[in-house]
Amino acid sequence: MMDFSSAKLIRLSDKSVPLPVWLRESGDDGDVAVSTRLRIARNMDGCRFPWCATDFELEQVVQLMHDVSVRMGNLYGGGALLEADSLSDEERMDMVAWRYVSRDWALSAKRRALLILGDGVTSVMVNEEDHLRIQAILPGLQVKSVQKHAQNAEEEIAKHIRFAWSPTFGYLTSSLSNVGLGVRFGVLLHLPGLRYMERIREVLDAAALVGCSVRGTYGEGTSEMGDFHLVSNSNRMGADWGEITGRFVSAIDFVINEERAARGLLFGGEKGRVRLEDTCHQAYRYLFDEEPKLTDLLSIISALRLAVAEGALPGRIEQTAPWIAMTGAEWVRGDADKGRERYQIIRRTAMLRQSLRGFISSVGTLRPSVAN
């Protein structure tokens, strides 16, 4: 566990960052739900929102959180305040893939920082869309637990910082859609069955009717890749915690049940099982024999994760989570830097091959030619 008692900004290369819990443990409904996240948006009273703040004001926010991080680190078994400008492009994209930060935080040129606490669950983005985005993320479907983690962190920060709040509107945020409680749940769902059945839009549209929105794999501003969909709650001003969580959990349960029903129809019989095993073998061959595009890596992992979830490939579902992170998030940039893309293809493919060779060796079910 990290121990950062000194009051200074550090670089990712100087200290290790805890591997997120969602990448190393299992959670409820893990066959479909990869992870559950809650972000709480808060702004400092008397300070302009990041989009219109001066560099001096943004620096003040970072320094205030620097002081808070030392106190919080003592409670969470350590904590690191990472300065975004001191991280390389590759390190920032790794933080996106680990789901510690958003695409906008990673690509913004504004003064930013990231507080990562030693529990591997809780983190705080500084100067993204709001001054603070307090986040908790856990494996599987764990809405109540992420709420508890995030609220505990918010309460601790509130002991040292006064948040912008209105008796009429609630917590004030940069986006009107977040005003009130300022909370956004997000569950990363793996939905290959619904795609195969051509029902993905039908089911997700039904979830939207009860107050959900579907975002890209890595949140707002990104696209959906490899059958991984981030489903979030849609905020309504005046809604309380009970209303938000109740509607959201009902919608997520509905989507999970529909995905399981689709998998049962597709793979419940012997022919479906054989088809799933063939798809798994094809994914392995593509990874080991070809040079996949960055955007194809998540599709490969989707096929392998599905095989593990359905028992066609021996293994534990939590073993598949690191593969998702290994595919990286460089593709969310949206630029056309061919040199960077080429480097990341080589790097990411090599990481996945190494990890999967170890997995193949442990489960011992694939032909040796696939793993060589």
Protein backbone atom coordinates (compact mmCIF):
# COMPACT_ATOMS: atom_id res chain seq x y z
CA MET A 1 0.00 0.00 0.00
CA MET A 2 1.22 3.49 -0.77
CA ASP A 3 2.39 5.90 1.89
CA PHE A 4 2.47 9.51 0.81
CA SER A 5 2.86 11.58 3.95
CA SER A 6 4.94 14.30 2.29
CA ALA A 7 3.01 17.29 0.97
CA LYS A 8 4.10 17.46 -2.65
CA LEU A 9 2.81 16.72 -6.11
CA ILE A 10 4.27 13.51 -7.50
CA ARG A 11 4.66 11.90 -10.88
CA LEU A 12 3.24 8.54 -11.86
CA SER A 13 6.74 7.36 -12.70
CA ASP A 14 7.98 8.32 -9.23
CA LYS A 15 5.44 6.28 -7.24
CA SER A 16 3.30 3.29 -8.03
CA VAL A 17 -0.44 3.86 -8.35
CA PRO A 18 -2.68 1.19 -6.80
CA LEU A 19 -4.25 -1.17 -9.30
CA PRO A 20 -7.98 -0.44 -9.17
CA VAL A 21 -10.05 -2.96 -7.24
CA TRP A 22 -12.33 -3.49 -10.25
CA LEU A 23 -9.33 -4.95 -12.11
CA ARG A 24 -8.51 -7.56 -9.49
CA GLU A 25 -11.70 -8.62 -7.69
CA SER A 26 -15.15 -9.93 -8.60
CA GLY A 27 -18.56 -8.43 -7.89
CA ASP A 28 -22.25 -9.25 -8.15
CA ASP A 29 -23.60 -10.02 -11.63
CA GLY A 30 -20.05 -10.02 -12.96
CA ASP A 31 -20.96 -12.11 -15.99
CA VAL A 32 -22.59 -9.00 -17.48
CA ALA A 33 -21.65 -6.05 -15.24
CA VAL A 34 -17.93 -5.26 -15.48
CA SER A 35 -17.86 -2.39 -13.00
CA THR A 36 -20.00 0.17 -11.19
CA ARG A 37 -18.93 3.77 -10.78
CA LEU A 38 -20.30 6.82 -9.04
CA ARG A 39 -19.06 10.35 -9.67
CA ILE A 40 -20.11 13.22 -7.43
CA ALA A 41 -19.64 16.69 -8.93
CA ARG A 42 -18.71 19.45 -6.50
CA ASN A 43 -17.45 23.01 -6.92
CA MET A 44 -15.76 25.34 -4.50
CA ASP A 45 -17.82 28.21 -3.20
CA GLY A 46 -16.74 31.58 -4.55
CA CYS A 47 -14.63 30.15 -7.39
CA ARG A 48 -15.66 30.21 -11.04
CA PHE A 49 -16.29 26.94 -12.87
CA PRO A 50 -13.23 25.47 -14.66
CA TRP A 51 -14.46 26.38 -18.13
CA CYS A 52 -14.38 30.10 -17.32
CA ALA A 53 -11.78 30.21 -14.51
CA THR A 54 -8.36 31.84 -14.90
CA ASP A 55 -5.15 29.84 -14.66
CA PHE A 56 -4.58 31.39 -11.25
CA GLU A 57 -7.98 30.22 -9.99
CA LEU A 58 -7.41 26.70 -11.29
CA GLU A 59 -4.05 26.65 -9.55
CA GLN A 60 -5.75 27.65 -6.29
CA VAL A 61 -8.12 24.69 -6.60
CA VAL A 62 -5.20 22.30 -7.14
CA GLN A 63 -3.33 23.68 -4.12
CA LEU A 64 -6.42 23.41 -1.89
CA MET A 65 -6.80 19.76 -2.90
CA HIS A 66 -3.10 19.26 -2.32
CA ASP A 67 -3.62 20.16 1.34
CA VAL A 68 -6.73 17.97 1.57
CA SER A 69 -4.95 15.01 -0.03
CA VAL A 70 -2.43 14.80 2.80
CA ARG A 71 -5.19 14.58 5.40
CA MET A 72 -7.22 12.07 3.39
CA GLY A 73 -4.18 9.90 2.68
CA ASN A 74 -3.84 9.28 6.39
CA LEU A 75 -7.38 7.84 6.44
CA TYR A 76 -7.18 5.75 3.27
CA GLY A 77 -3.86 4.01 3.72
CA GLY A 78 -2.10 6.48 1.47
CA GLY A 79 -2.93 8.83 -1.34
CA ALA A 80 -1.22 10.46 -4.32
CA LEU A 81 -2.01 13.80 -5.93
CA LEU A 82 -0.79 13.47 -9.51
CA GLU A 83 -0.18 16.60 -11.54
CA ALA A 84 -1.56 16.06 -15.06
CA ASP A 85 1.12 18.15 -16.75
CA SER A 86 3.84 15.95 -15.29
CA LEU A 87 2.34 12.78 -16.81
CA SER A 88 3.16 11.59 -20.29
CA ASP A 89 0.44 11.14 -22.90
CA GLU A 90 0.75 7.40 -22.43
CA GLU A 91 0.38 7.64 -18.65
CA ARG A 92 -2.74 9.80 -18.96
CA MET A 93 -4.29 7.31 -21.37
CA ASP A 94 -3.46 4.50 -18.95
CA MET A 95 -5.42 6.39 -16.28
CA VAL A 96 -8.39 6.50 -18.69
CA ALA A 97 -8.12 2.75 -19.31
CA TRP A 98 -7.99 2.13 -15.56
CA ARG A 99 -11.12 4.36 -15.33
CA TYR A 100 -9.49 6.74 -12.85
CA VAL A 101 -10.07 9.70 -15.19
CA SER A 102 -12.26 10.74 -18.09
CA ARG A 103 -11.23 11.38 -21.67
CA ASP A 104 -11.81 15.12 -21.19
CA TRP A 105 -9.53 15.23 -18.15
CA ALA A 106 -6.78 13.37 -20.00
CA LEU A 107 -6.89 15.56 -23.12
CA SER A 108 -7.55 18.98 -21.56
CA ALA A 109 -4.80 21.60 -21.56
CA LYS A 110 -6.11 23.24 -18.37
CA ARG A 111 -4.43 22.96 -14.96
CA ARG A 112 -5.52 19.57 -13.60
CA ALA A 113 -4.65 17.03 -10.95
CA LEU A 114 -5.82 13.61 -9.85
CA LEU A 115 -6.07 12.37 -6.28
CA ILE A 116 -5.87 8.57 -6.06
CA LEU A 117 -6.47 7.12 -2.62
CA GLY A 118 -4.81 3.97 -1.37
CA ASP A 119 -7.96 1.83 -1.27
CA GLY A 120 -7.95 1.39 -5.05
CA VAL A 121 -11.61 2.44 -5.08
CA THR A 122 -11.74 6.19 -4.51
CA SER A 123 -10.25 8.99 -6.58
CA VAL A 124 -10.90 12.67 -7.28
CA MET A 125 -10.48 14.42 -10.62
CA VAL A 126 -9.51 18.05 -10.09
CA ASN A 127 -10.53 20.72 -12.62
CA GLU A 128 -12.33 18.53 -15.12
CA GLU A 129 -15.82 19.87 -15.97
CA ASP A 130 -16.24 20.77 -12.29
CA HIS A 131 -13.64 21.62 -9.68
CA LEU A 132 -13.99 18.15 -8.17
CA ARG A 133 -15.31 14.87 -9.52
CA ILE A 134 -15.28 12.51 -6.53
CA GLN A 135 -15.33 8.96 -7.81
CA ALA A 136 -15.69 5.42 -6.49
CA ILE A 137 -15.53 2.35 -8.73
CA LEU A 138 -16.00 -1.32 -7.83
CA PRO A 139 -16.28 -4.59 -9.81
CA GLY A 140 -19.64 -5.97 -10.88
CA LEU A 141 -22.93 -4.39 -9.89
CA GLN A 142 -22.43 -2.61 -6.55
CA VAL A 143 -24.54 0.56 -6.56
CA LYS A 144 -24.98 0.85 -2.79
CA SER A 145 -21.30 0.20 -2.11
CA VAL A 146 -19.97 2.80 -4.55
CA GLN A 147 -22.44 5.29 -3.11
CA LYS A 148 -21.06 4.66 0.37
CA HIS A 149 -17.43 5.01 -0.75
CA ALA A 150 -18.03 8.20 -2.73
CA GLN A 151 -20.16 9.83 -0.05
CA ASN A 152 -17.57 9.06 2.62
CA ALA A 153 -14.91 10.79 0.53
CA GLU A 154 -17.20 13.74 -0.16
CA GLU A 155 -17.93 14.18 3.54
CA GLU A 156 -14.22 14.11 4.36
CA ILE A 157 -13.43 16.74 1.71
CA ALA A 158 -16.33 18.89 2.94
CA LYS A 159 -14.62 19.19 6.32
CA HIS A 160 -11.94 21.30 4.65
CA ILE A 161 -13.64 22.90 1.62
CA ARG A 162 -16.97 24.72 1.37
CA PHE A 163 -18.93 23.58 -1.66
CA ALA A 164 -21.05 25.83 -3.89
CA TRP A 165 -24.64 25.19 -2.83
CA SER A 166 -28.01 26.90 -3.25
CA PRO A 167 -31.02 26.37 -0.95
CA THR A 168 -33.20 26.50 -4.06
CA PHE A 169 -31.26 24.33 -6.50
CA GLY A 170 -28.90 22.25 -4.36
CA TYR A 171 -25.27 21.73 -5.36
CA LEU A 172 -24.21 24.01 -8.22
CA THR A 173 -22.43 22.39 -11.14
CA SER A 174 -20.97 23.45 -14.47
CA SER A 175 -23.65 21.49 -16.35
CA LEU A 176 -27.31 22.24 -15.61
CA SER A 177 -28.07 18.52 -16.00
CA ASN A 178 -26.07 17.80 -12.83
CA VAL A 179 -27.45 20.59 -10.62
CA GLY A 180 -29.02 19.25 -7.40
CA LEU A 181 -27.34 16.17 -6.05
CA GLY A 182 -24.65 16.32 -8.72
CA VAL A 183 -24.34 12.53 -8.95
CA ARG A 184 -23.81 10.23 -11.91
CA PHE A 185 -23.84 6.45 -11.63
CA GLY A 186 -22.36 4.40 -14.44
CA VAL A 187 -22.32 0.64 -14.94
CA LEU A 188 -20.09 -0.81 -17.64
CA LEU A 189 -22.10 -3.63 -19.19
CA HIS A 190 -20.89 -6.38 -21.51
CA LEU A 191 -23.73 -7.04 -23.97
CA PRO A 192 -22.60 -9.35 -26.81
CA GLY A 193 -25.74 -11.49 -26.60
CA LEU A 194 -28.04 -8.57 -27.34
CA ARG A 195 -25.85 -7.51 -30.26
CA TYR A 196 -25.89 -11.02 -31.75
CA MET A 197 -29.69 -11.06 -31.39
CA GLU A 198 -29.90 -7.56 -32.93
CA ARG A 199 -31.78 -6.29 -29.88
CA ILE A 200 -29.18 -3.97 -28.39
CA ARG A 201 -30.85 -0.70 -29.40
CA GLU A 202 -34.31 -1.95 -28.43
CA VAL A 203 -33.20 -2.88 -24.91
CA LEU A 204 -31.06 0.20 -24.30
CA ASP A 205 -33.85 2.46 -25.60
CA ALA A 206 -36.21 0.80 -23.12
CA ALA A 207 -33.73 1.54 -20.31
CA ALA A 208 -33.63 5.16 -21.44
CA LEU A 209 -37.38 5.44 -20.90
CA VAL A 210 -36.89 4.95 -17.16
CA GLY A 211 -34.16 7.53 -16.86
CA CYS A 212 -30.92 6.09 -18.19
CA SER A 213 -28.50 7.26 -20.84
CA VAL A 214 -25.96 5.23 -22.79
CA ARG A 215 -22.46 6.63 -23.15
CA GLY A 216 -19.33 5.38 -24.86
CA THR A 217 -17.10 2.70 -23.39
CA TYR A 218 -15.01 5.35 -21.62
CA GLY A 219 -17.82 7.79 -20.94
CA GLU A 220 -19.06 10.95 -22.59
CA GLY A 221 -17.31 11.85 -25.82
CA THR A 222 -16.26 8.27 -26.63
CA SER A 223 -17.86 5.58 -28.76
CA GLU A 224 -19.03 2.09 -27.83
CA MET A 225 -16.45 -0.60 -28.56
CA GLY A 226 -16.36 -4.37 -28.25
CA ASP A 227 -19.92 -4.77 -26.90
CA PHE A 228 -19.03 -2.72 -23.79
CA HIS A 229 -21.63 -0.07 -22.98
CA LEU A 230 -21.56 2.45 -20.13
CA VAL A 231 -25.13 2.97 -18.87
CA SER A 232 -25.66 6.01 -16.63
CA ASN A 233 -28.55 7.60 -14.77
CA SER A 234 -30.20 10.68 -16.23
CA ASN A 235 -30.43 13.38 -13.58
CA ARG A 236 -33.59 15.27 -12.74
CA MET A 237 -33.44 18.42 -10.62
CA GLY A 238 -35.04 17.80 -7.24
CA ALA A 239 -34.58 14.02 -7.30
CA ASP A 240 -33.26 12.42 -4.10
CA TRP A 241 -30.86 9.53 -3.62
CA GLY A 242 -33.66 6.99 -3.23
CA GLU A 243 -35.38 7.97 -6.46
CA ILE A 244 -32.15 8.03 -8.47
CA THR A 245 -30.80 4.70 -7.24
CA GLY A 246 -34.18 2.96 -7.36
CA ARG A 247 -34.86 3.82 -11.00
CA PHE A 248 -31.28 3.19 -12.03
CA VAL A 249 -30.98 -0.24 -10.40
CA SER A 250 -34.31 -1.32 -11.93
CA ALA A 251 -33.11 -0.31 -15.39
CA ILE A 252 -29.75 -2.07 -15.00
CA ASP A 253 -31.42 -5.24 -13.71
CA PHE A 254 -33.68 -5.20 -16.76
CA VAL A 255 -30.74 -4.94 -19.18
CA ILE A 256 -28.78 -7.67 -17.38
CA ASN A 257 -31.75 -10.05 -17.47
CA GLU A 258 -32.30 -9.39 -21.18
CA GLU A 259 -28.62 -10.06 -21.91
CA ARG A 260 -28.73 -13.33 -19.98
CA ALA A 261 -31.87 -14.39 -21.83
CA ALA A 262 -30.18 -13.64 -25.15
CA ARG A 263 -27.12 -15.68 -24.17
CA GLY A 264 -29.34 -18.56 -23.13
CA LEU A 265 -31.01 -18.63 -26.54
CA LEU A 266 -27.72 -18.32 -28.39
CA PHE A 267 -25.46 -20.61 -26.40
CA GLY A 268 -27.75 -22.78 -24.29
CA GLY A 269 -27.75 -25.68 -26.73
CA GLU A 270 -24.93 -27.83 -28.07
CA LYS A 271 -24.73 -26.01 -31.42
CA GLY A 272 -24.56 -22.66 -29.69
CA ARG A 273 -21.83 -23.93 -27.41
CA VAL A 274 -19.75 -25.10 -30.36
CA ARG A 275 -20.28 -21.74 -32.09
CA LEU A 276 -19.10 -19.89 -28.96
CA GLU A 277 -15.99 -22.06 -28.70
CA ASP A 278 -15.22 -21.44 -32.38
CA THR A 279 -15.59 -17.69 -31.86
CA CYS A 280 -13.20 -17.91 -28.92
CA HIS A 281 -10.60 -19.76 -31.03
CA GLN A 282 -10.97 -17.23 -33.85
CA ALA A 283 -10.35 -14.37 -31.43
CA TYR A 284 -7.18 -16.02 -30.16
CA ARG A 285 -5.93 -16.67 -33.69
CA TYR A 286 -6.61 -13.09 -34.73
CA LEU A 287 -4.66 -11.75 -31.74
CA PHE A 288 -1.68 -14.08 -32.11
CA ASP A 289 -1.45 -14.43 -35.91
CA GLU A 290 -2.48 -10.98 -37.14
CA GLU A 291 -1.85 -7.35 -36.26
CA PRO A 292 -5.20 -6.12 -34.93
CA LYS A 293 -6.25 -2.50 -35.06
CA LEU A 294 -6.50 -0.69 -31.73
CA THR A 295 -10.27 -0.57 -32.12
CA ASP A 296 -10.36 -4.35 -32.69
CA LEU A 297 -8.66 -5.26 -29.41
CA LEU A 298 -11.81 -4.76 -27.31
CA SER A 299 -13.76 -6.95 -29.74
CA ILE A 300 -11.21 -9.72 -29.22
CA ILE A 301 -11.48 -9.35 -25.45
CA SER A 302 -15.27 -9.31 -25.71
CA ALA A 303 -15.28 -12.75 -27.33
CA LEU A 304 -12.89 -14.19 -24.74
CA ARG A 305 -14.73 -12.64 -21.79
CA LEU A 306 -18.02 -14.04 -23.08
CA ALA A 307 -16.50 -17.53 -23.32
CA VAL A 308 -15.31 -17.31 -19.70
CA ALA A 309 -18.65 -15.96 -18.48
CA GLU A 310 -20.57 -18.77 -20.21
CA GLY A 311 -18.19 -21.51 -19.07
CA ALA A 312 -16.95 -22.32 -22.56
CA LEU A 313 -13.48 -21.26 -21.46
CA PRO A 314 -12.37 -22.21 -17.93
CA GLY A 315 -11.38 -19.33 -15.71
CA ARG A 316 -12.74 -16.71 -13.34
CA ILE A 317 -14.51 -13.64 -14.64
CA GLU A 318 -12.25 -11.29 -12.65
CA GLN A 319 -9.30 -12.61 -14.68
CA THR A 320 -10.77 -10.92 -17.76
CA ALA A 321 -10.91 -7.38 -16.32
CA PRO A 322 -7.18 -6.64 -16.75
CA TRP A 323 -7.50 -7.58 -20.43
CA ILE A 324 -9.99 -4.73 -20.86
CA ALA A 325 -7.52 -2.25 -19.37
CA MET A 326 -4.65 -3.67 -21.45
CA THR A 327 -6.45 -2.74 -24.66
CA GLY A 328 -5.85 0.87 -23.65
CA ALA A 329 -7.80 3.99 -24.43
CA GLU A 330 -5.64 5.70 -27.05
CA TRP A 331 -8.39 5.35 -29.64
CA VAL A 332 -10.55 7.85 -27.73
CA ARG A 333 -8.21 10.66 -28.83
CA GLY A 334 -9.83 10.88 -32.24
CA ASP A 335 -6.61 12.12 -33.88
CA ALA A 336 -4.75 10.66 -36.84
CA ASP A 337 -1.25 10.27 -35.45
CA LYS A 338 -0.18 7.13 -37.34
CA GLY A 339 3.14 6.89 -35.51
CA ARG A 340 1.47 6.86 -32.10
CA GLU A 341 -1.17 4.41 -33.29
CA ARG A 342 1.47 2.03 -34.66
CA TYR A 343 3.39 2.12 -31.38
CA GLN A 344 0.28 1.46 -29.33
CA ILE A 345 -0.77 -1.46 -31.55
CA ILE A 346 2.58 -3.12 -30.93
CA ARG A 347 2.60 -2.31 -27.21
CA ARG A 348 -0.99 -3.31 -26.44
CA THR A 349 -0.93 -6.47 -28.55
CA ALA A 350 2.29 -7.62 -26.87
CA MET A 351 0.78 -7.03 -23.41
CA LEU A 352 -2.33 -9.01 -24.26
CA ARG A 353 -0.40 -11.86 -25.83
CA GLN A 354 1.81 -12.20 -22.77
CA SER A 355 -1.16 -12.18 -20.41
CA LEU A 356 -3.19 -14.60 -22.49
CA ARG A 357 -0.30 -17.04 -22.86
CA GLY A 358 -0.27 -17.33 -19.09
CA PHE A 359 -4.04 -17.75 -19.07
CA ILE A 360 -3.93 -20.42 -21.79
CA SER A 361 -1.27 -22.29 -19.88
CA SER A 362 -3.38 -22.26 -16.71
CA VAL A 363 -6.65 -23.41 -18.33
CA GLY A 364 -4.98 -25.74 -20.84
CA THR A 365 -7.85 -25.91 -23.31
CA LEU A 366 -6.59 -24.30 -26.51
CA ARG A 367 -4.45 -25.89 -29.16
CA PRO A 368 -0.74 -25.15 -28.67
CA SER A 369 -0.51 -23.58 -32.12
CA VAL A 370 -2.81 -20.80 -31.00
CA ALA A 371 -0.62 -19.77 -28.10
CA ASN A 372 2.69 -19.88 -29.97
